[in-house]
Amino acid sequence: MLKAYKEQQTVENRFRFLKNPYFIGRDFLEKPKREEAFAYVMMLSVMVYSVFECLIR
């Protein structure tokens, strides 16, 4: 349980840029479908990033 708690910071760091209000304008995400699609693309990119990070280490 402690290991899972310590790894939480790693996940939070990967999603930190999404919390930045300047990352993407609200004009682009005016429709719920676009918000959902953007979220899926971001999740996929974080997963690919994580895989490459593990392969490099």
PDB file of N, CA and C in Angstrom:
ATOM      1  N   MET A   1       0.829  -1.190   0.000  1.00  0.00           N
ATOM      2  CA  MET A   1       0.000   0.000   0.000  1.00  0.00           C
ATOM      3  C   MET A   1       0.875   1.256   0.000  1.00  0.00           C
ATOM      4  N   LEU A   2       1.956   1.201   0.744  1.00  0.00           N
ATOM      5  CA  LEU A   2       2.861   2.350   0.783  1.00  0.00           C
ATOM      6  C   LEU A   2       3.507   2.589  -0.582  1.00  0.00           C
ATOM      7  N   LYS A   3       3.842   1.511  -1.277  1.00  0.00           N
ATOM      8  CA  LYS A   3       4.439   1.644  -2.609  1.00  0.00           C
ATOM      9  C   LYS A   3       3.465   2.321  -3.574  1.00  0.00           C
ATOM     10  N   ALA A   4       2.198   1.923  -3.522  1.00  0.00           N
ATOM     11  CA  ALA A   4       1.186   2.540  -4.391  1.00  0.00           C
ATOM     12  C   ALA A   4       1.034   4.023  -4.069  1.00  0.00           C
ATOM     13  N   TYR A   5       1.112   4.365  -2.785  1.00  0.00           N
ATOM     14  CA  TYR A   5       0.991   5.768  -2.389  1.00  0.00           C
ATOM     15  C   TYR A   5       2.179   6.580  -2.911  1.00  0.00           C
ATOM     16  N   LYS A   6       3.368   6.010  -2.828  1.00  0.00           N
ATOM     17  CA  LYS A   6       4.554   6.727  -3.299  1.00  0.00           C
ATOM     18  C   LYS A   6       4.540   6.902  -4.812  1.00  0.00           C
ATOM     19  N   GLU A   7       3.965   5.959  -5.538  1.00  0.00           N
ATOM     20  CA  GLU A   7       3.900   6.062  -6.992  1.00  0.00           C
ATOM     21  C   GLU A   7       2.836   7.049  -7.461  1.00  0.00           C
ATOM     22  N   GLN A   8       2.000   7.496  -6.560  1.00  0.00           N
ATOM     23  CA  GLN A   8       0.958   8.462  -6.914  1.00  0.00           C
ATOM     24  C   GLN A   8       1.583   9.755  -7.436  1.00  0.00           C
ATOM     25  N   GLN A   9       2.700  10.145  -6.869  1.00  0.00           N
ATOM     26  CA  GLN A   9       3.363  11.376  -7.303  1.00  0.00           C
ATOM     27  C   GLN A   9       3.809  11.277  -8.755  1.00  0.00           C
ATOM     28  N   THR A  10       4.222  10.098  -9.181  1.00  0.00           N
ATOM     29  CA  THR A  10       4.629   9.899 -10.573  1.00  0.00           C
ATOM     30  C   THR A  10       3.466  10.156 -11.515  1.00  0.00           C
ATOM     31  N   VAL A  11       2.313   9.636 -11.168  1.00  0.00           N
ATOM     32  CA  VAL A  11       1.124   9.832 -11.997  1.00  0.00           C
ATOM     33  C   VAL A  11       0.726  11.303 -12.005  1.00  0.00           C
ATOM     34  N   GLU A  12       0.764  11.930 -10.852  1.00  0.00           N
ATOM     35  CA  GLU A  12       0.398  13.348 -10.772  1.00  0.00           C
ATOM     36  C   GLU A  12       1.333  14.210 -11.618  1.00  0.00           C
ATOM     37  N   ASN A  13       2.607  13.887 -11.631  1.00  0.00           N
ATOM     38  CA  ASN A  13       3.556  14.669 -12.437  1.00  0.00           C
ATOM     39  C   ASN A  13       3.275  14.537 -13.920  1.00  0.00           C
ATOM     40  N   ARG A  14       2.828  13.377 -14.348  1.00  0.00           N
ATOM     41  CA  ARG A  14       2.547  13.182 -15.771  1.00  0.00           C
ATOM     42  C   ARG A  14       1.331  13.975 -16.217  1.00  0.00           C
ATOM     43  N   PHE A  15       0.388  14.193 -15.325  1.00  0.00           N
ATOM     44  CA  PHE A  15      -0.829  14.911 -15.693  1.00  0.00           C
ATOM     45  C   PHE A  15      -0.797  16.380 -15.275  1.00  0.00           C
ATOM     46  N   ARG A  16       0.328  16.841 -14.777  1.00  0.00           N
ATOM     47  CA  ARG A  16       0.425  18.222 -14.299  1.00  0.00           C
ATOM     48  C   ARG A  16       0.149  19.226 -15.415  1.00  0.00           C
ATOM     49  N   PHE A  17       0.627  18.947 -16.615  1.00  0.00           N
ATOM     50  CA  PHE A  17       0.439  19.904 -17.713  1.00  0.00           C
ATOM     51  C   PHE A  17      -1.032  20.050 -18.094  1.00  0.00           C
ATOM     52  N   LEU A  18      -1.850  19.039 -17.816  1.00  0.00           N
ATOM     53  CA  LEU A  18      -3.274  19.148 -18.135  1.00  0.00           C
ATOM     54  C   LEU A  18      -3.997  20.120 -17.210  1.00  0.00           C
ATOM     55  N   LYS A  19      -3.451  20.326 -16.035  1.00  0.00           N
ATOM     56  CA  LYS A  19      -4.072  21.235 -15.071  1.00  0.00           C
ATOM     57  C   LYS A  19      -3.760  22.694 -15.381  1.00  0.00           C
ATOM     58  N   ASN A  20      -2.828  22.919 -16.282  1.00  0.00           N
ATOM     59  CA  ASN A  20      -2.446  24.269 -16.664  1.00  0.00           C
ATOM     60  C   ASN A  20      -3.541  24.870 -17.553  1.00  0.00           C
ATOM     61  N   PRO A  21      -4.126  26.003 -17.155  1.00  0.00           N
ATOM     62  CA  PRO A  21      -5.216  26.584 -17.954  1.00  0.00           C
ATOM     63  C   PRO A  21      -4.750  27.094 -19.317  1.00  0.00           C
ATOM     64  N   TYR A  22      -3.456  27.306 -19.501  1.00  0.00           N
ATOM     65  CA  TYR A  22      -2.946  27.807 -20.772  1.00  0.00           C
ATOM     66  C   TYR A  22      -2.574  26.684 -21.733  1.00  0.00           C
ATOM     67  N   PHE A  23      -2.760  25.432 -21.323  1.00  0.00           N
ATOM     68  CA  PHE A  23      -2.370  24.303 -22.170  1.00  0.00           C
ATOM     69  C   PHE A  23      -3.167  24.282 -23.465  1.00  0.00           C
ATOM     70  N   ILE A  24      -4.464  24.436 -23.368  1.00  0.00           N
ATOM     71  CA  ILE A  24      -5.313  24.442 -24.566  1.00  0.00           C
ATOM     72  C   ILE A  24      -6.461  25.416 -24.325  1.00  0.00           C
ATOM     73  N   GLY A  25      -6.811  26.144 -25.339  1.00  0.00           N
ATOM     74  CA  GLY A  25      -7.867  27.135 -25.206  1.00  0.00           C
ATOM     75  C   GLY A  25      -9.253  26.518 -25.078  1.00  0.00           C
ATOM     76  N   ARG A  26     -10.127  27.192 -24.388  1.00  0.00           N
ATOM     77  CA  ARG A  26     -11.497  26.707 -24.215  1.00  0.00           C
ATOM     78  C   ARG A  26     -12.282  26.793 -25.519  1.00  0.00           C
ATOM     79  N   ASP A  27     -11.842  27.610 -26.457  1.00  0.00           N
ATOM     80  CA  ASP A  27     -12.542  27.722 -27.739  1.00  0.00           C
ATOM     81  C   ASP A  27     -12.516  26.404 -28.504  1.00  0.00           C
ATOM     82  N   PHE A  28     -11.415  25.696 -28.398  1.00  0.00           N
ATOM     83  CA  PHE A  28     -11.286  24.427 -29.109  1.00  0.00           C
ATOM     84  C   PHE A  28     -12.194  23.354 -28.513  1.00  0.00           C
ATOM     85  N   LEU A  29     -12.353  23.371 -27.205  1.00  0.00           N
ATOM     86  CA  LEU A  29     -13.112  22.322 -26.521  1.00  0.00           C
ATOM     87  C   LEU A  29     -14.520  22.784 -26.167  1.00  0.00           C
ATOM     88  N   GLU A  30     -15.197  23.379 -27.092  1.00  0.00           N
ATOM     89  CA  GLU A  30     -16.531  23.898 -26.776  1.00  0.00           C
ATOM     90  C   GLU A  30     -17.614  22.825 -26.826  1.00  0.00           C
ATOM     91  N   LYS A  31     -17.331  21.682 -27.436  1.00  0.00           N
ATOM     92  CA  LYS A  31     -18.311  20.598 -27.511  1.00  0.00           C
ATOM     93  C   LYS A  31     -17.882  19.451 -26.602  1.00  0.00           C
ATOM     94  N   PRO A  32     -18.829  18.795 -25.946  1.00  0.00           N
ATOM     95  CA  PRO A  32     -18.479  17.670 -25.063  1.00  0.00           C
ATOM     96  C   PRO A  32     -17.749  16.536 -25.785  1.00  0.00           C
ATOM     97  N   LYS A  33     -18.087  16.298 -27.036  1.00  0.00           N
ATOM     98  CA  LYS A  33     -17.408  15.237 -27.802  1.00  0.00           C
ATOM     99  C   LYS A  33     -15.925  15.560 -27.976  1.00  0.00           C
ATOM    100  N   ARG A  34     -15.617  16.830 -28.183  1.00  0.00           N
ATOM    101  CA  ARG A  34     -14.215  17.227 -28.334  1.00  0.00           C
ATOM    102  C   ARG A  34     -13.464  17.071 -27.021  1.00  0.00           C
ATOM    103  N   GLU A  35     -14.116  17.409 -25.916  1.00  0.00           N
ATOM    104  CA  GLU A  35     -13.482  17.236 -24.610  1.00  0.00           C
ATOM    105  C   GLU A  35     -13.171  15.768 -24.357  1.00  0.00           C
ATOM    106  N   GLU A  36     -14.117  14.909 -24.672  1.00  0.00           N
ATOM    107  CA  GLU A  36     -13.920  13.475 -24.474  1.00  0.00           C
ATOM    108  C   GLU A  36     -12.799  12.951 -25.377  1.00  0.00           C
ATOM    109  N   ALA A  37     -12.794  13.361 -26.629  1.00  0.00           N
ATOM    110  CA  ALA A  37     -11.751  12.923 -27.560  1.00  0.00           C
ATOM    111  C   ALA A  37     -10.378  13.413 -27.109  1.00  0.00           C
ATOM    112  N   PHE A  38     -10.315  14.644 -26.643  1.00  0.00           N
ATOM    113  CA  PHE A  38      -9.051  15.196 -26.163  1.00  0.00           C
ATOM    114  C   PHE A  38      -8.547  14.418 -24.952  1.00  0.00           C
ATOM    115  N   ALA A  39      -9.460  14.056 -24.058  1.00  0.00           N
ATOM    116  CA  ALA A  39      -9.070  13.281 -22.878  1.00  0.00           C
ATOM    117  C   ALA A  39      -8.512  11.918 -23.283  1.00  0.00           C
ATOM    118  N   TYR A  40      -9.140  11.264 -24.252  1.00  0.00           N
ATOM    119  CA  TYR A  40      -8.639   9.970 -24.721  1.00  0.00           C
ATOM    120  C   TYR A  40      -7.258  10.101 -25.371  1.00  0.00           C
ATOM    121  N   VAL A  41      -7.069  11.128 -26.156  1.00  0.00           N
ATOM    122  CA  VAL A  41      -5.770  11.336 -26.794  1.00  0.00           C
ATOM    123  C   VAL A  41      -4.698  11.594 -25.741  1.00  0.00           C
ATOM    124  N   MET A  42      -5.017  12.369 -24.732  1.00  0.00           N
ATOM    125  CA  MET A  42      -4.053  12.653 -23.673  1.00  0.00           C
ATOM    126  C   MET A  42      -3.712  11.397 -22.872  1.00  0.00           C
ATOM    127  N   MET A  43      -4.716  10.578 -22.580  1.00  0.00           N
ATOM    128  CA  MET A  43      -4.464   9.323 -21.859  1.00  0.00           C
ATOM    129  C   MET A  43      -3.569   8.403 -22.686  1.00  0.00           C
ATOM    130  N   LEU A  44      -3.836   8.315 -23.972  1.00  0.00           N
ATOM    131  CA  LEU A  44      -3.027   7.474 -24.848  1.00  0.00           C
ATOM    132  C   LEU A  44      -1.588   7.982 -24.912  1.00  0.00           C
ATOM    133  N   SER A  45      -1.423   9.286 -25.000  1.00  0.00           N
ATOM    134  CA  SER A  45      -0.070   9.841 -25.076  1.00  0.00           C
ATOM    135  C   SER A  45       0.699   9.611 -23.779  1.00  0.00           C
ATOM    136  N   VAL A  46       0.030   9.692 -22.641  1.00  0.00           N
ATOM    137  CA  VAL A  46       0.697   9.425 -21.365  1.00  0.00           C
ATOM    138  C   VAL A  46       1.083   7.951 -21.263  1.00  0.00           C
ATOM    139  N   MET A  47       0.230   7.054 -21.747  1.00  0.00           N
ATOM    140  CA  MET A  47       0.565   5.629 -21.717  1.00  0.00           C
ATOM    141  C   MET A  47       1.762   5.331 -22.617  1.00  0.00           C
ATOM    142  N   VAL A  48       1.796   5.907 -23.803  1.00  0.00           N
ATOM    143  CA  VAL A  48       2.930   5.699 -24.708  1.00  0.00           C
ATOM    144  C   VAL A  48       4.205   6.265 -24.093  1.00  0.00           C
ATOM    145  N   TYR A  49       4.104   7.427 -23.491  1.00  0.00           N
ATOM    146  CA  TYR A  49       5.250   8.041 -22.822  1.00  0.00           C
ATOM    147  C   TYR A  49       5.773   7.135 -21.714  1.00  0.00           C
ATOM    148  N   SER A  50       4.879   6.548 -20.948  1.00  0.00           N
ATOM    149  CA  SER A  50       5.272   5.661 -19.853  1.00  0.00           C
ATOM    150  C   SER A  50       5.967   4.408 -20.372  1.00  0.00           C
ATOM    151  N   VAL A  51       5.458   3.857 -21.457  1.00  0.00           N
ATOM    152  CA  VAL A  51       6.084   2.660 -22.038  1.00  0.00           C
ATOM    153  C   VAL A  51       7.497   2.977 -22.512  1.00  0.00           C
ATOM    154  N   PHE A  52       7.661   4.084 -23.222  1.00  0.00           N
ATOM    155  CA  PHE A  52       8.991   4.457 -23.691  1.00  0.00           C
ATOM    156  C   PHE A  52       9.933   4.746 -22.528  1.00  0.00           C
ATOM    157  N   GLU A  53       9.414   5.343 -21.491  1.00  0.00           N
ATOM    158  CA  GLU A  53      10.235   5.631 -20.321  1.00  0.00           C
ATOM    159  C   GLU A  53      10.731   4.336 -19.678  1.00  0.00           C
ATOM    160  N   CYS A  54       9.871   3.332 -19.591  1.00  0.00           N
ATOM    161  CA  CYS A  54      10.276   2.034 -19.030  1.00  0.00           C
ATOM    162  C   CYS A  54      11.285   1.336 -19.932  1.00  0.00           C
ATOM    163  N   LEU A  55      11.102   1.429 -21.241  1.00  0.00           N
ATOM    164  CA  LEU A  55      12.036   0.784 -22.168  1.00  0.00           C
ATOM    165  C   LEU A  55      13.421   1.425 -22.118  1.00  0.00           C
ATOM    166  N   ILE A  56      13.458   2.722 -21.946  1.00  0.00           N
ATOM    167  CA  ILE A  56      14.736   3.428 -21.905  1.00  0.00           C
ATOM    168  C   ILE A  56      15.487   3.115 -20.619  1.00  0.00           C
ATOM    169  N   ARG A  57      14.767   2.999 -19.531  1.00  0.00           N
ATOM    170  CA  ARG A  57      15.416   2.687 -18.250  1.00  0.00           C
ATOM    171  C   ARG A  57      15.828   1.259 -18.279  1.00  0.00           C
TER     172      ARG A  57
END
